[in-house]
Structures are given as C-alpha cells and as structure tokens.
C-alpha cells in the first residue's frame, strides 16, 4: 500500500480530489488531500492581521530543537527566536542511550513515549532516528540565524550543556544566552526560577526588546 499526499492548486481545496479517493482506495492505497490554510473551506483561517515582519518563534525542550532549526532555515522570515533547553547534537547521540533509559523526571515511560513519537519499533531504531536529527550532522550549526535567545540550565539532565555551548560557538550571528548555573531542564529550579518566572523576567522582556528594533 502507498500513501499519496496531494498539494492542491491556488484556487482549489482538498475536496477537488474527492473522486480520486474511491479509485485509490480500491487499488489498496490511501489518499490524503488537506486544504491549505486560507483557501477553500479553510479561507476563514487566513490571518491578514498578522504582520509577517514581526513573527517571533518560541520553542521549549524538543520544541526548542525545532525553533533552533527554523532560526537557520527560516531566518529571513523570523523577527526573533527563543530556544529554551534546545536539543542540538549530543542529546541525539547513541551514547545517550543509558541517559534515556534512566530518566525518571516524568510520570510516564520515557523511552516508550519517544519510540511512539519517532515511530520506532525498538531502541536501535529510535537511536538511529535520533542521531539523524543532530543539527551538527545536518550541517546547520555554522549557518547564520535569526536573532536568538537561548535559555539553559547547567544542571540539565535531559539536554547536555555541551549542546548549548555548540550553539554559542556556531554560526556568524551574535546570540544572547541566559544560563542558570543551578538550573535543570528549561533552566528552571523549583524555588527561585520556575517556568513562569523565567518567562516573565527573561523571555518576555527579550521578545519585547526585539519588537522595538
């Protein structure tokens, strides 16, 4: 069985391909025909109120990996990017297997959750897929970025601090860093710097400063 994904034309929508569904289904295939945002039955989701020159991207933890990647690949479209405890390179390495298995910071089974997220059937497949995501392996670390704020904790048990150092040393554009020497994942500690305090005192002021430029 194959899965076909259709990207429709400018003045169409997903429904334009409705006659193809039974034909492909009869042949044992699947057809996915999403409608682009702002077109067809999703036209009401267009956002003319959004200024494309003032888009700020925030990512935390695994989301910070994606915000760091997009800071490179979409830098011309982003006003600024915040990456809070981003996975960069070392966090994805096969050598982190024991750290993955030993993680007890969540109330769910950590490794099975990652396997489900990656569509991996066993630990080896999970480790292989993770290694391919490294920003270093993908050749992104030495590329220019949008303006960035990187937030991290020196005592992070999920993302090695060396990943933060790689972002410090990579590329040719200045970045700003907020490092909590006693902070864990996301740079937080339960007493003085929980998530809301970091956002209120660090993230939000930095974003407002970028919007003033």
Protein backbone atom coordinates (compact mmCIF):
# COMPACT_ATOMS: atom_id res chain seq x y z
CA UNK A 1 0.00 0.00 0.00
CA UNK A 2 1.18 3.54 -0.76
CA UNK A 3 0.06 6.82 0.75
CA UNK A 4 -0.47 9.73 -1.65
CA UNK A 5 -0.48 13.31 -0.34
CA UNK A 6 -1.88 15.99 -2.65
CA UNK A 7 -0.91 19.67 -2.50
CA UNK A 8 -3.71 21.32 -4.46
CA UNK A 9 -3.57 24.41 -6.65
CA UNK A 10 -4.04 28.02 -5.60
CA UNK A 11 -7.76 28.24 -6.34
CA UNK A 12 -8.77 24.77 -5.23
CA UNK A 13 -9.19 22.83 -1.98
CA UNK A 14 -8.88 19.27 -0.77
CA UNK A 15 -12.39 18.43 -1.96
CA UNK A 16 -11.31 18.95 -5.59
CA UNK A 17 -9.74 15.48 -5.42
CA UNK A 18 -12.72 13.70 -3.86
CA UNK A 19 -13.29 11.45 -6.90
CA UNK A 20 -9.79 10.06 -6.54
CA UNK A 21 -10.41 8.64 -3.05
CA UNK A 22 -12.51 5.61 -4.07
CA UNK A 23 -10.23 4.87 -7.04
CA UNK A 24 -7.07 4.75 -4.97
CA UNK A 25 -8.81 3.00 -2.09
CA UNK A 26 -9.96 0.28 -4.49
CA UNK A 27 -6.35 -0.17 -5.56
CA UNK A 28 -5.29 -0.55 -1.93
CA UNK A 29 -3.80 2.89 -1.46
CA UNK A 30 -4.51 5.86 0.80
CA UNK A 31 -5.06 9.43 -0.37
CA UNK A 32 -4.65 12.49 1.86
CA UNK A 33 -5.95 15.77 0.47
CA UNK A 34 -5.57 18.56 3.03
CA UNK A 35 -6.80 22.05 2.21
CA UNK A 36 -4.23 24.81 2.58
CA UNK A 37 -4.93 27.34 5.31
CA UNK A 38 -6.61 30.42 3.86
CA UNK A 39 -8.15 28.59 0.91
CA UNK A 40 -11.35 26.66 0.24
CA UNK A 41 -13.20 25.66 3.38
CA UNK A 42 -10.24 26.99 5.40
CA UNK A 43 -10.39 30.50 3.93
CA UNK A 44 -11.69 31.86 7.24
CA UNK A 45 -8.39 30.85 8.84
CA UNK A 46 -6.38 33.33 6.79
CA UNK A 47 -4.78 35.91 9.10
CA UNK A 48 -4.37 39.27 7.36
CA UNK A 49 -3.96 40.80 10.81
CA UNK A 50 -0.57 39.10 11.22
CA UNK A 51 2.41 41.24 10.28
CA UNK A 52 4.80 38.79 8.56
CA UNK A 53 7.73 41.01 9.52
CA UNK A 54 7.00 40.68 13.25
CA UNK A 55 6.84 36.91 13.79
CA UNK A 56 8.51 35.60 16.96
CA UNK A 57 9.13 31.87 17.33
CA UNK A 58 9.42 30.20 20.76
CA UNK A 59 10.35 26.58 21.42
CA UNK A 60 10.91 24.71 24.66
CA UNK A 61 12.79 21.40 25.11
CA UNK A 62 12.13 19.26 21.99
CA UNK A 63 10.28 22.25 20.56
CA UNK A 64 13.46 24.28 21.09
CA UNK A 65 15.23 21.92 18.69
CA UNK A 66 12.74 22.91 16.01
CA UNK A 67 12.91 26.60 16.84
CA UNK A 68 16.73 26.39 16.57
CA UNK A 69 16.47 24.63 13.20
CA UNK A 70 13.97 27.19 11.91
CA UNK A 71 16.17 30.02 13.17
CA UNK A 72 18.52 28.85 10.42
CA UNK A 73 16.23 27.60 7.66
CA UNK A 74 13.61 30.38 8.01
CA UNK A 75 15.80 33.17 9.38
CA UNK A 76 14.65 35.68 6.75
CA UNK A 77 11.03 35.21 7.85
CA UNK A 78 11.53 35.40 11.61
CA UNK A 79 11.94 38.54 13.67
CA UNK A 80 13.47 36.59 16.55
CA UNK A 81 13.67 33.10 18.05
CA UNK A 82 13.69 31.80 21.63
CA UNK A 83 15.11 28.32 22.27
CA UNK A 84 14.71 27.06 25.84
CA UNK A 85 16.88 23.98 26.50
CA UNK A 86 17.28 23.02 22.84
CA UNK A 87 18.50 19.59 21.81
CA UNK A 88 21.34 20.28 19.37
CA UNK A 89 23.77 17.41 18.85
CA UNK A 90 24.97 15.47 21.86
CA UNK A 91 21.43 14.94 23.12
CA UNK A 92 20.74 12.88 19.99
CA UNK A 93 23.82 10.68 20.09
CA UNK A 94 23.61 6.92 20.52
CA UNK A 95 25.85 7.27 23.59
CA UNK A 96 22.88 8.87 25.37
CA UNK A 97 21.06 5.51 25.48
CA UNK A 98 21.65 4.99 29.20
CA UNK A 99 20.54 8.54 29.99
CA UNK A 100 17.32 7.99 28.06
CA UNK A 101 16.60 4.74 29.89
CA UNK A 102 17.43 6.22 33.30
CA UNK A 103 15.21 9.30 33.01
CA UNK A 104 12.65 9.41 35.83
CA UNK A 105 11.55 13.04 35.54
CA UNK A 106 8.15 12.26 34.03
CA UNK A 107 5.14 10.29 35.21
CA UNK A 108 5.10 8.22 32.01
CA UNK A 109 7.50 5.71 30.49
CA UNK A 110 10.09 7.94 28.86
CA UNK A 111 11.61 5.60 26.26
CA UNK A 112 8.29 4.12 25.01
CA UNK A 113 6.97 7.68 24.66
CA UNK A 114 9.95 8.62 22.47
CA UNK A 115 9.59 5.44 20.44
CA UNK A 116 5.97 6.30 19.74
CA UNK A 117 6.88 9.89 18.80
CA UNK A 118 9.54 8.70 16.33
CA UNK A 119 7.58 5.73 15.03
CA UNK A 120 10.39 3.41 16.17
CA UNK A 121 9.81 -0.28 16.87
CA UNK A 122 12.84 -0.85 19.10
CA UNK A 123 15.64 1.00 20.86
CA UNK A 124 18.12 0.64 17.99
CA UNK A 125 15.70 2.18 15.52
CA UNK A 126 14.97 5.01 17.96
CA UNK A 127 18.67 5.76 18.42
CA UNK A 128 19.29 5.71 14.67
CA UNK A 129 16.44 8.13 14.01
CA UNK A 130 17.54 10.46 16.79
CA UNK A 131 21.13 10.63 15.57
CA UNK A 132 19.99 11.78 12.14
CA UNK A 133 18.31 14.81 13.71
CA UNK A 134 21.53 16.33 15.06
CA UNK A 135 21.96 19.93 13.93
CA UNK A 136 25.66 19.22 13.56
CA UNK A 137 25.03 16.19 11.36
CA UNK A 138 22.60 18.24 9.29
CA UNK A 139 25.19 20.96 8.76
CA UNK A 140 23.13 23.68 10.44
CA UNK A 141 25.43 24.82 13.24
CA UNK A 142 27.67 27.02 11.10
CA UNK A 143 24.82 28.76 9.27
CA UNK A 144 23.52 32.29 10.01
CA UNK A 145 20.47 32.51 12.25
CA UNK A 146 17.70 34.91 13.08
CA UNK A 147 18.28 36.82 16.35
CA UNK A 148 18.21 34.20 19.11
CA UNK A 149 17.80 33.95 22.85
CA UNK A 150 18.94 30.59 24.23
CA UNK A 151 17.85 29.65 27.77
CA UNK A 152 19.52 26.73 29.54
CA UNK A 153 20.43 25.24 32.89
CA UNK A 154 23.91 24.00 33.70
CA UNK A 155 22.45 21.04 35.60
CA UNK A 156 20.08 19.90 32.84
CA UNK A 157 19.82 16.09 32.95
CA UNK A 158 17.97 15.81 29.63
CA UNK A 159 19.99 18.08 27.35
CA UNK A 160 23.78 18.06 27.84
CA UNK A 161 25.11 21.55 28.47
CA UNK A 162 27.58 20.98 25.65
CA UNK A 163 24.66 21.39 23.26
CA UNK A 164 24.24 24.95 24.50
CA UNK A 165 27.97 25.53 24.02
CA UNK A 166 27.69 24.33 20.42
CA UNK A 167 25.07 27.00 19.76
CA UNK A 168 27.34 29.56 21.42
CA UNK A 169 30.22 28.72 19.11
CA UNK A 170 28.30 28.10 15.88
CA UNK A 171 27.40 30.46 13.07
CA UNK A 172 28.42 34.05 12.48
CA UNK A 173 25.48 35.90 14.05
CA UNK A 174 25.54 37.06 17.70
CA UNK A 175 23.12 35.27 20.01
CA UNK A 176 22.04 36.01 23.56
CA UNK A 177 22.13 33.44 26.34
CA UNK A 178 20.55 33.18 29.76
CA UNK A 179 22.26 30.41 31.71
CA UNK A 180 21.14 29.37 35.18
CA UNK A 181 24.14 27.74 36.92
CA UNK A 182 21.81 25.87 39.29
CA UNK A 183 19.06 25.29 36.78
CA UNK A 184 17.89 21.99 35.40
CA UNK A 185 15.92 21.32 32.25
CA UNK A 186 14.49 24.53 30.74
CA UNK A 187 16.87 26.45 33.02
CA UNK A 188 14.42 26.21 35.88
CA UNK A 189 14.64 25.46 39.56
CA UNK A 190 11.60 24.96 41.74
CA UNK A 191 12.27 27.80 44.19
CA UNK A 192 13.69 30.92 42.54
CA UNK A 193 13.29 30.28 38.81
CA UNK A 194 10.21 28.19 37.93
CA UNK A 195 8.86 28.40 34.38
CA UNK A 196 6.51 31.38 34.92
CA UNK A 197 9.30 33.47 36.46
CA UNK A 198 11.69 32.72 33.61
CA UNK A 199 9.06 33.71 31.10
CA UNK A 200 8.12 36.90 32.94
CA UNK A 201 11.65 38.08 33.76
CA UNK A 202 13.69 36.71 30.84
CA UNK A 203 11.71 35.57 27.81
CA UNK A 204 9.00 38.24 27.59
CA UNK A 205 11.34 41.26 28.10
CA UNK A 206 13.72 39.94 25.46
CA UNK A 207 10.88 39.45 22.97
CA UNK A 208 9.58 42.98 23.59
CA UNK A 209 13.08 44.35 23.04
CA UNK A 210 13.30 42.57 19.68
CA UNK A 211 9.94 44.01 18.60
CA UNK A 212 11.22 47.52 19.32
CA UNK A 213 14.07 47.11 16.82
